[in-house]
Amino acid sequence: MKKSASRSVSAVQSTAALAVEATMPAQGVALSRQLHAVALALQGIRQGRSGTVVLEAVAPALRPGVQALLFQVLRHLGCAQALARALAPRKPAPAVDALLCVALALCCDPEQALYEPFTLVNQTVEAAKQDTGTRAQAGFLNACLRRFLRESASLLQAVGDDVQARWNHPHWWVQRLRQDHPQHWQQVLQANRQQAPMVLRVNQQKNSLLQYQQALEAVGIAAVAVGEAGLILQRAVPVQMLPGFAEGWVSVQDAAAQQAAPLLLAGMDLSRPLRVLDACAAPGGKTAHLLEYAGTGAPLQVTALEIDAQRAQRIHGTLERLGLQAQVLVADASHPQDWWQQQCAGALFDAILLDAPCTASGIVRRHPDVPWLRRESDIAQLAQIQARLLDTLWPLLQPGGRLLYCTCSVFRAEGAGQVQAFLARQSTARHLPSPGHLLPGVDAAGRVVMDSPDGEHDGFFYALLQKAPA
């Protein structure tokens, strides 16, 4: 089963190669050229294409700068769209509106502005002249943006009561968060507008956490420990700069995602052969962590499923770099009749990891396109897929075995609500102690800890379920 619905998003395709978010536009490239590319990317996202896909279409030399500007735009898009409506009540053509929103998003917050306002206006007009779809409207864009510069205080005040402009998330998203997390919804929305840090998972079969931290310090990279095997980098760096990355000493993985393997395997008898299923495995980070956590002496037999053949290849690549082995199958977890008997000899699993398809609403910091791609109806559609996977995989679990259900979502329908419904219809399931909903900037006790490693993680949900003994 894919980790996304038909409107797939980049949030579930995070890899080491995409882990470093560019923080500044490219130097030596005309700003007008970059703005033109950002506007095209925004149009693509509005048409339902993910940030990953639209950025892949950008020339490699331009891509880092365009990504930096695009992410800035997406994090201020709600405000920019409200301002665009105030400046142009008759909505212009899509290409013109995209360029107008790009410019407004980049100058509506003076504290985060990357350019002087008049420079940005001039370069936006130049960008308009580069495209036949916007050339005739260059004067219109110039007039709108210069009016904004003259009247910015009153215009920003006028849109201040607009929920989408205030929080830079769709109105339905804000309402859903308020309903699901009444104490922390504002914290989640604020965290979503911040750039996520780069977090590493140390392969403790090859290095201790302290040893690798010292190896980073030796090359001038500062890091803070988090969890059992994690290090939060003070600044993101290309993976090629990480000591021993090619040799499998370390992987890029958020602190919340690093909890999966310990939650599933802690307390299990790792001295005997265990059969483990990773049901939605690409790109392979959690598959690898299961094997690392069990250790080289443990007879852990992991089967990793992925419905998409190309994404399954990424699992192979992850395991190869880390020197690990697992059975990787191109198969749909929701149709075990196609793979369980033939490929797994019909043997029950001792443990199942179900990292289910979801809205990816918990990883907006890393993928700010997600709120603008999702629709509220996606939640119910994905919840149906999650329920089907739970019901389908539960019979494949040994009596006494464990299933860890997780999603990178902050919505209760994909987390606590989903598990409550499953427990109500499955009498053989028992809910073991597990974290539940993890929210960015909030620690396990529910305290807001913005500047602490305890709260430095993506939004996630975990529920550990045990099957009754025979």
Protein backbone atom coordinates (compact mmCIF):
# COMPACT_ATOMS: atom_id res chain seq x y z
CA MET A 1 0.00 0.00 0.00
CA LYS A 2 1.36 3.40 -0.94
CA LYS A 3 1.88 5.93 1.81
CA SER A 4 -0.37 8.47 0.08
CA ALA A 5 -3.76 8.78 -1.56
CA SER A 6 -4.24 9.67 -5.22
CA ARG A 7 -3.19 13.26 -4.45
CA SER A 8 0.22 12.04 -3.30
CA VAL A 9 2.46 14.47 -1.50
CA SER A 10 6.18 14.83 -1.14
CA ALA A 11 5.94 14.51 2.64
CA VAL A 12 6.12 10.76 2.47
CA GLN A 13 9.11 10.72 0.10
CA SER A 14 11.74 12.27 2.38
CA THR A 15 15.21 10.91 1.71
CA ALA A 16 18.72 11.77 2.76
CA ALA A 17 19.19 13.64 -0.50
CA LEU A 18 16.29 15.99 0.36
CA ALA A 19 17.12 16.33 4.04
CA VAL A 20 19.03 19.60 3.70
CA GLU A 21 16.73 22.53 3.11
CA ALA A 22 18.40 25.40 1.34
CA THR A 23 18.17 28.51 3.48
CA MET A 24 19.17 31.17 0.96
CA PRO A 25 18.51 31.70 -2.76
CA ALA A 26 21.30 30.96 -5.18
CA GLN A 27 24.04 33.55 -5.53
CA GLY A 28 24.97 34.79 -8.98
CA VAL A 29 21.57 33.93 -10.50
CA ALA A 30 19.21 36.74 -11.43
CA LEU A 31 16.44 37.02 -8.84
CA SER A 32 13.88 37.55 -11.61
CA ARG A 33 14.78 34.16 -13.07
CA GLN A 34 14.37 32.48 -9.71
CA LEU A 35 11.03 34.21 -9.05
CA HIS A 36 9.76 33.03 -12.43
CA ALA A 37 10.70 29.44 -11.55
CA VAL A 38 9.09 29.71 -8.10
CA ALA A 39 5.85 30.98 -9.62
CA LEU A 40 5.80 28.03 -12.03
CA ALA A 41 6.40 25.66 -9.10
CA LEU A 42 3.55 27.24 -7.13
CA GLN A 43 1.25 26.80 -10.12
CA GLY A 44 2.21 23.12 -10.21
CA ILE A 45 1.39 22.68 -6.52
CA ARG A 46 -1.94 24.40 -7.01
CA GLN A 47 -2.63 21.88 -9.77
CA GLY A 48 -2.01 19.00 -7.34
CA ARG A 49 1.65 18.15 -7.95
CA SER A 50 3.92 17.71 -4.94
CA GLY A 51 6.80 19.97 -4.04
CA THR A 52 9.22 17.15 -4.80
CA VAL A 53 7.83 16.75 -8.32
CA VAL A 54 7.78 20.44 -9.20
CA LEU A 55 11.31 20.96 -7.89
CA GLU A 56 12.60 18.03 -9.94
CA ALA A 57 11.49 19.97 -13.04
CA VAL A 58 13.74 22.92 -12.11
CA ALA A 59 17.22 23.09 -13.65
CA PRO A 60 19.79 21.67 -11.17
CA ALA A 61 21.74 24.94 -11.04
CA LEU A 62 18.60 26.83 -10.02
CA ARG A 63 17.03 24.21 -7.76
CA PRO A 64 18.55 25.07 -4.35
CA GLY A 65 17.65 28.74 -4.64
CA VAL A 66 14.19 28.02 -6.00
CA GLN A 67 13.57 25.55 -3.18
CA ALA A 68 14.57 28.14 -0.57
CA LEU A 69 12.23 30.73 -2.05
CA LEU A 70 9.39 28.24 -2.65
CA PHE A 71 9.45 27.01 0.94
CA GLN A 72 9.39 30.61 2.17
CA VAL A 73 6.40 31.29 -0.08
CA LEU A 74 4.50 28.20 1.06
CA ARG A 75 5.00 29.12 4.71
CA HIS A 76 3.38 32.54 4.08
CA LEU A 77 0.93 31.55 1.35
CA GLY A 78 -2.25 32.05 3.38
CA CYS A 79 -1.36 35.66 4.09
CA ALA A 80 -0.19 36.25 0.51
CA GLN A 81 -3.44 34.91 -0.95
CA ALA A 82 -5.53 37.13 1.32
CA LEU A 83 -3.46 40.17 0.33
CA ALA A 84 -3.77 39.28 -3.34
CA ARG A 85 -7.57 39.22 -3.00
CA ALA A 86 -7.50 42.62 -1.31
CA LEU A 87 -5.29 44.11 -4.03
CA ALA A 88 -7.05 42.44 -6.96
CA PRO A 89 -10.71 41.61 -6.18
CA ARG A 90 -11.05 40.18 -9.70
CA LYS A 91 -8.68 37.24 -9.55
CA PRO A 92 -6.12 37.43 -12.39
CA ALA A 93 -5.06 34.54 -14.59
CA PRO A 94 -3.34 31.66 -12.73
CA ALA A 95 0.18 32.54 -13.90
CA VAL A 96 -0.24 36.19 -12.88
CA ASP A 97 -1.84 35.30 -9.56
CA ALA A 98 0.99 32.85 -8.78
CA LEU A 99 3.66 35.50 -9.41
CA LEU A 100 1.73 38.07 -7.37
CA CYS A 101 1.39 35.64 -4.44
CA VAL A 102 5.08 34.73 -4.64
CA ALA A 103 6.10 38.38 -4.31
CA LEU A 104 3.61 39.10 -1.52
CA ALA A 105 4.66 36.01 0.43
CA LEU A 106 8.29 37.11 0.27
CA CYS A 107 7.62 40.61 1.60
CA CYS A 108 4.59 40.29 3.90
CA ASP A 109 6.76 39.44 6.92
CA PRO A 110 9.56 42.03 7.21
CA GLU A 111 11.38 39.99 9.86
CA GLN A 112 11.87 37.11 7.42
CA ALA A 113 12.23 39.10 4.22
CA LEU A 114 15.20 38.00 2.11
CA TYR A 115 15.29 41.12 -0.10
CA GLU A 116 14.65 44.83 0.07
CA PRO A 117 11.02 45.49 -0.89
CA PHE A 118 11.74 47.66 -3.92
CA THR A 119 14.29 45.15 -5.23
CA LEU A 120 11.68 42.42 -4.94
CA VAL A 121 9.06 44.51 -6.80
CA ASN A 122 11.45 45.38 -9.62
CA GLN A 123 12.59 41.79 -10.03
CA THR A 124 8.99 40.49 -9.96
CA VAL A 125 8.15 42.83 -12.83
CA GLU A 126 11.22 41.56 -14.70
CA ALA A 127 10.09 37.98 -14.02
CA ALA A 128 6.67 38.80 -15.51
CA LYS A 129 8.34 40.00 -18.71
CA GLN A 130 10.09 36.63 -19.13
CA ASP A 131 6.85 34.71 -19.77
CA THR A 132 4.28 35.22 -22.50
CA GLY A 133 1.55 34.34 -19.98
CA THR A 134 2.43 37.24 -17.69
CA ARG A 135 4.22 39.79 -19.89
CA ALA A 136 1.11 41.81 -20.65
CA GLN A 137 0.33 42.04 -16.92
CA ALA A 138 3.71 43.35 -15.79
CA GLY A 139 2.25 46.80 -15.23
CA PHE A 140 -0.66 45.35 -13.22
CA LEU A 141 1.78 43.45 -10.98
CA ASN A 142 3.91 46.55 -10.53
CA ALA A 143 0.85 48.59 -9.48
CA CYS A 144 -0.38 45.93 -7.02
CA LEU A 145 3.00 45.49 -5.36
CA ARG A 146 3.77 49.21 -5.10
CA ARG A 147 0.37 49.74 -3.55
CA PHE A 148 1.21 47.04 -1.02
CA LEU A 149 4.47 48.80 -0.14
CA ARG A 150 2.59 52.08 0.39
CA GLU A 151 -0.32 50.58 2.36
CA SER A 152 1.23 47.47 3.92
CA ALA A 153 0.21 48.30 7.50
CA SER A 154 -3.46 48.84 6.67
CA LEU A 155 -3.64 45.91 4.26
CA LEU A 156 -2.08 43.51 6.75
CA GLN A 157 -4.47 44.75 9.42
CA ALA A 158 -7.41 44.27 7.04
CA VAL A 159 -6.58 40.58 6.46
CA GLY A 160 -5.59 39.95 10.08
CA ASP A 161 -8.96 38.40 10.98
CA ASP A 162 -8.76 35.91 8.14
CA VAL A 163 -7.97 32.52 9.74
CA GLN A 164 -6.04 31.31 6.71
CA ALA A 165 -4.02 34.51 6.54
CA ARG A 166 -3.29 34.45 10.28
CA TRP A 167 -2.09 30.85 10.44
CA ASN A 168 -0.99 30.20 6.84
CA HIS A 169 -2.93 26.94 6.71
CA PRO A 170 -6.29 26.23 5.05
CA HIS A 171 -9.27 27.17 7.19
CA TRP A 172 -10.44 23.55 7.54
CA TRP A 173 -6.96 22.48 8.71
CA VAL A 174 -6.94 25.09 11.49
CA GLN A 175 -10.43 24.10 12.63
CA ARG A 176 -9.50 20.43 12.65
CA LEU A 177 -6.42 21.06 14.78
CA ARG A 178 -8.38 23.18 17.24
CA GLN A 179 -10.86 20.34 17.61
CA ASP A 180 -8.24 17.59 17.91
CA HIS A 181 -5.67 19.38 20.10
CA PRO A 182 -7.40 22.25 21.94
CA GLN A 183 -4.39 22.88 24.20
CA HIS A 184 -1.65 22.79 21.57
CA TRP A 185 -3.15 23.66 18.19
CA GLN A 186 -1.48 27.06 18.04
CA GLN A 187 1.89 25.54 18.92
CA VAL A 188 1.57 23.03 16.08
CA LEU A 189 0.67 25.71 13.54
CA GLN A 190 3.55 27.92 14.67
CA ALA A 191 5.99 25.01 14.52
CA ASN A 192 4.84 24.18 10.99
CA ARG A 193 6.18 27.53 9.78
CA GLN A 194 9.68 26.81 11.07
CA GLN A 195 12.44 25.03 9.20
CA ALA A 196 12.91 21.54 10.62
CA PRO A 197 16.40 20.57 11.80
CA MET A 198 18.45 17.80 10.28
CA VAL A 199 18.35 14.77 12.58
CA LEU A 200 20.59 11.71 12.36
CA ARG A 201 20.16 8.14 13.57
CA VAL A 202 23.48 6.61 14.59
CA ASN A 203 23.97 2.98 13.56
CA GLN A 204 24.93 1.64 16.96
CA GLN A 205 26.24 -1.56 15.42
CA LYS A 206 29.12 0.55 14.11
CA ASN A 207 29.42 3.51 16.51
CA SER A 208 28.14 4.63 19.86
CA LEU A 209 26.17 7.85 20.03
CA LEU A 210 29.05 9.58 21.83
CA GLN A 211 31.65 8.30 19.37
CA TYR A 212 29.75 9.63 16.40
CA GLN A 213 29.05 12.93 18.11
CA GLN A 214 32.78 13.30 18.63
CA ALA A 215 33.41 12.40 14.97
CA LEU A 216 31.06 15.21 13.96
CA GLU A 217 32.78 17.67 16.28
CA ALA A 218 36.13 16.75 14.70
CA VAL A 219 34.88 18.06 11.35
CA GLY A 220 33.21 21.13 12.86
CA ILE A 221 29.60 19.89 13.00
CA ALA A 222 27.84 20.53 16.32
CA ALA A 223 25.08 18.15 17.41
CA VAL A 224 22.85 17.48 20.43
CA ALA A 225 21.76 13.99 21.46
CA VAL A 226 18.09 13.05 21.36
CA GLY A 227 16.52 9.69 22.20
CA GLU A 228 18.43 6.41 22.09
CA ALA A 229 20.33 6.91 18.85
CA GLY A 230 19.59 10.42 17.58
CA LEU A 231 21.64 13.55 17.01
CA ILE A 232 20.13 16.92 16.10
CA LEU A 233 22.53 18.96 13.99
CA GLN A 234 22.96 22.62 14.81
CA ARG A 235 22.91 23.30 11.08
CA ALA A 236 21.99 21.09 8.16
CA VAL A 237 24.80 19.83 5.93
CA PRO A 238 24.95 17.72 2.76
CA VAL A 239 25.11 14.03 3.67
CA GLN A 240 28.45 13.79 1.87
CA MET A 241 29.92 15.87 4.71
CA LEU A 242 28.84 13.37 7.37
CA PRO A 243 31.67 11.09 8.55
CA GLY A 244 31.10 7.52 7.42
CA PHE A 245 27.76 8.16 5.73
CA ALA A 246 28.62 6.07 2.68
CA GLU A 247 29.85 3.31 5.00
CA GLY A 248 26.54 3.18 6.88
CA TRP A 249 27.59 4.78 10.15
CA VAL A 250 24.55 7.03 10.21
CA SER A 251 21.20 7.73 8.54
CA VAL A 252 18.98 10.79 8.26
CA GLN A 253 15.75 10.23 10.20
CA ASP A 254 13.56 12.47 12.34
CA ALA A 255 13.52 11.85 16.09
CA ALA A 256 9.83 10.88 16.06
CA ALA A 257 10.36 8.25 13.37
CA GLN A 258 13.29 6.84 15.36
CA GLN A 259 10.91 5.66 18.05
CA ALA A 260 9.35 2.95 15.86
CA ALA A 261 11.96 0.20 16.16
CA PRO A 262 12.45 0.47 19.96
CA LEU A 263 8.69 0.60 20.55
CA LEU A 264 8.05 -2.54 18.52
CA LEU A 265 11.02 -4.64 19.62
CA ALA A 266 11.75 -3.56 23.20
CA GLY A 267 10.84 -6.34 25.58
CA MET A 268 10.69 -9.02 22.86
CA ASP A 269 13.01 -12.03 23.06
CA LEU A 270 15.61 -11.13 20.45
CA SER A 271 17.63 -14.26 21.15
CA ARG A 272 15.18 -16.44 19.23
CA PRO A 273 14.25 -16.21 15.53
CA LEU A 274 11.65 -13.50 15.02
CA ARG A 275 9.65 -12.85 11.87
CA VAL A 276 8.91 -9.14 11.41
CA LEU A 277 6.81 -7.45 8.71
CA ASP A 278 7.34 -3.83 7.69
CA ALA A 279 4.09 -3.40 5.80
CA CYS A 280 4.64 -0.01 4.07
CA ALA A 281 8.40 0.15 4.04
CA ALA A 282 9.77 2.65 1.49
CA PRO A 283 12.20 4.33 1.61
CA GLY A 284 13.49 1.80 4.15
CA GLY A 285 14.56 3.89 7.13
CA LYS A 286 12.42 2.02 9.66
CA THR A 287 13.24 -1.35 8.07
CA ALA A 288 16.93 -0.60 8.56
CA HIS A 289 16.41 0.62 12.11
CA LEU A 290 14.65 -2.62 13.05
CA LEU A 291 17.70 -4.57 11.91
CA GLU A 292 20.14 -2.17 13.58
CA TYR A 293 18.20 -2.28 16.85
CA ALA A 294 18.07 -6.08 16.92
CA GLY A 295 21.82 -6.31 16.37
CA THR A 296 24.00 -8.59 14.31
CA GLY A 297 23.58 -11.57 16.62
CA ALA A 298 19.78 -11.55 16.63
CA PRO A 299 18.07 -13.83 14.09
CA LEU A 300 15.61 -11.15 12.92
CA GLN A 301 13.91 -12.00 9.62
CA VAL A 302 12.38 -8.82 8.21
CA THR A 303 10.02 -8.74 5.25
CA ALA A 304 9.60 -5.25 3.79
CA LEU A 305 6.64 -4.55 1.51
CA GLU A 306 6.26 -1.71 -0.98
CA ILE A 307 3.62 -1.54 -3.70
CA ASP A 308 5.66 0.70 -6.00
CA ALA A 309 8.64 -0.99 -7.69
CA GLN A 310 10.66 2.21 -8.01
CA ARG A 311 10.20 3.03 -4.32
CA ALA A 312 11.08 -0.58 -3.45
CA GLN A 313 14.45 -0.01 -5.11
CA ARG A 314 15.11 2.73 -2.58
CA ILE A 315 14.69 0.16 0.20
CA HIS A 316 17.39 -1.96 -1.45
CA GLY A 317 19.64 1.09 -1.67
CA THR A 318 19.13 1.97 1.98
CA LEU A 319 19.90 -1.57 3.14
CA GLU A 320 22.92 -1.89 0.86
CA ARG A 321 24.51 1.30 2.19
CA LEU A 322 24.01 0.11 5.78
CA GLY A 323 25.18 -3.45 5.10
CA LEU A 324 21.83 -4.97 6.13
CA GLN A 325 19.60 -7.66 4.63
CA ALA A 326 15.85 -8.07 4.44
CA GLN A 327 13.31 -9.70 2.14
CA VAL A 328 11.99 -6.84 0.00
CA LEU A 329 8.75 -7.54 -1.86
CA VAL A 330 6.92 -5.41 -4.38
CA ALA A 331 3.46 -6.11 -3.03
CA ASP A 332 0.30 -4.53 -1.63
CA ALA A 333 -0.01 -5.01 2.12
CA SER A 334 -3.81 -4.89 1.83
CA HIS A 335 -3.84 -7.98 -0.44
CA PRO A 336 -1.88 -10.66 1.44
CA GLN A 337 -3.41 -13.34 -0.80
CA ASP A 338 -0.99 -12.13 -3.47
CA TRP A 339 2.22 -12.53 -1.44
CA TRP A 340 1.83 -14.10 2.00
CA GLN A 341 1.52 -17.78 1.01
CA GLN A 342 3.90 -17.67 -1.96
CA GLN A 343 6.63 -15.39 -0.61
CA CYS A 344 6.33 -15.93 3.15
CA ALA A 345 5.22 -19.59 3.22
CA GLY A 346 2.06 -18.54 5.06
CA ALA A 347 4.00 -18.16 8.33
CA LEU A 348 2.60 -15.79 10.94
CA PHE A 349 4.67 -12.79 12.01
CA ASP A 350 5.90 -12.17 15.55
CA ALA A 351 5.77 -8.41 15.01
CA ILE A 352 4.29 -6.07 12.41
CA LEU A 353 5.17 -2.45 11.77
CA LEU A 354 2.34 -0.63 10.01
CA ASP A 355 3.51 2.86 9.04
CA ALA A 356 0.21 3.55 7.33
CA PRO A 357 -0.62 5.91 4.47
CA CYS A 358 -1.76 9.23 5.90
CA THR A 359 -2.18 12.94 5.26
CA ALA A 360 1.44 13.63 6.31
CA SER A 361 0.03 16.48 8.40
CA GLY A 362 2.79 15.97 10.99
CA ILE A 363 5.73 16.77 8.72
CA VAL A 364 4.70 20.15 7.33
CA ARG A 365 7.94 21.70 8.60
CA ARG A 366 9.86 19.58 6.10
CA HIS A 367 7.23 19.67 3.37
CA PRO A 368 5.30 22.97 3.47
CA ASP A 369 3.42 22.01 0.30
CA VAL A 370 1.32 19.49 2.26
CA PRO A 371 -1.39 21.85 3.62
CA TRP A 372 -1.95 23.30 0.15
CA LEU A 373 -2.20 19.86 -1.48
CA ARG A 374 -4.52 18.20 0.99
CA ARG A 375 -8.29 18.42 1.10
CA GLU A 376 -10.36 17.76 4.20
CA SER A 377 -11.99 14.81 2.46
CA ASP A 378 -8.56 13.14 2.24
CA ILE A 379 -8.69 12.42 5.99
CA ALA A 380 -11.75 10.17 5.76
CA GLN A 381 -10.45 8.45 2.61
CA LEU A 382 -7.10 7.70 4.22
CA ALA A 383 -8.75 6.60 7.47
CA GLN A 384 -10.61 3.95 5.48
CA ILE A 385 -7.34 2.70 4.02
CA GLN A 386 -5.75 2.62 7.48
CA ALA A 387 -8.68 0.65 8.93
CA ARG A 388 -8.55 -1.84 6.07
CA LEU A 389 -4.83 -2.38 6.59
CA LEU A 390 -5.27 -2.94 10.32
CA ASP A 391 -8.05 -5.46 9.77
CA THR A 392 -6.16 -7.22 6.97
CA LEU A 393 -2.80 -7.52 8.70
CA TRP A 394 -4.07 -8.47 12.17
CA PRO A 395 -4.78 -12.12 11.17
CA LEU A 396 -1.13 -12.42 10.00
CA LEU A 397 0.12 -11.78 13.54
CA GLN A 398 1.08 -14.59 15.91
CA PRO A 399 -0.99 -14.93 19.11
CA GLY A 400 0.92 -12.89 21.67
CA GLY A 401 2.61 -10.91 18.90
CA ARG A 402 2.76 -7.12 18.53
CA LEU A 403 1.61 -4.69 15.88
CA LEU A 404 2.87 -1.10 15.97
CA TYR A 405 0.48 1.25 14.18
CA CYS A 406 1.94 4.64 13.28
CA THR A 407 1.28 7.61 11.04
CA CYS A 408 3.07 10.90 10.45
CA SER A 409 -0.20 12.70 11.13
CA VAL A 410 -1.47 14.98 13.88
CA PHE A 411 -5.15 14.39 13.09
CA ARG A 412 -6.96 12.19 15.61
CA ALA A 413 -8.96 10.40 12.90
CA GLU A 414 -5.66 8.91 11.69
CA GLY A 415 -4.36 8.26 15.21
CA ALA A 416 -6.24 7.87 18.48
CA GLY A 417 -9.64 7.71 16.77
CA GLN A 418 -8.46 5.02 14.38
CA VAL A 419 -7.08 2.86 17.17
CA GLN A 420 -10.16 3.25 19.36
CA ALA A 421 -12.34 2.06 16.50
CA PHE A 422 -10.05 -0.92 15.85
CA LEU A 423 -10.06 -1.97 19.51
CA ALA A 424 -13.86 -1.77 19.53
CA ARG A 425 -14.18 -4.24 16.66
CA GLN A 426 -11.20 -6.49 17.51
CA SER A 427 -11.61 -8.37 20.78
CA THR A 428 -8.18 -10.05 20.58
CA ALA A 429 -6.31 -6.72 20.60
CA ARG A 430 -4.87 -5.06 23.69
CA HIS A 431 -3.45 -1.53 23.71
CA LEU A 432 0.01 -1.50 25.31
CA PRO A 433 1.63 1.68 26.71
CA SER A 434 2.77 3.83 23.78
CA PRO A 435 3.26 7.55 23.03
CA GLY A 436 0.02 8.28 21.20
CA HIS A 437 0.11 11.65 19.43
CA LEU A 438 3.50 13.37 19.29
CA LEU A 439 3.27 17.07 18.45
CA PRO A 440 6.19 19.26 17.28
CA GLY A 441 7.46 21.51 20.05
CA VAL A 442 5.66 19.49 22.74
CA ASP A 443 7.33 16.87 24.96
CA ALA A 444 5.90 13.52 26.09
CA ALA A 445 4.32 15.14 29.15
CA GLY A 446 2.44 17.66 26.99
CA ARG A 447 4.66 20.61 27.90
CA VAL A 448 5.61 23.18 25.28
CA VAL A 449 9.39 22.96 24.87
CA MET A 450 10.26 24.97 21.78
CA ASP A 451 14.02 25.09 22.32
CA SER A 452 14.58 21.65 23.83
CA PRO A 453 15.57 18.40 22.09
CA ASP A 454 12.61 16.78 23.90
CA GLY A 455 10.20 18.66 21.66
CA GLU A 456 12.33 18.67 18.51
CA HIS A 457 10.48 16.10 16.42
CA ASP A 458 7.86 15.89 13.71
CA GLY A 459 4.20 15.24 14.38
CA PHE A 460 3.57 11.51 14.70
CA PHE A 461 1.25 8.92 16.21
CA TYR A 462 2.12 5.56 17.77
CA ALA A 463 -0.08 2.79 19.17
CA LEU A 464 1.41 -0.55 20.21
CA LEU A 465 -1.14 -3.38 20.03
CA GLN A 466 -0.72 -6.92 21.34
CA LYS A 467 -2.66 -9.98 20.19
CA ALA A 468 -4.13 -12.18 22.86
CA PRO A 469 -2.31 -15.49 23.42
CA ALA A 470 -3.85 -18.55 21.81
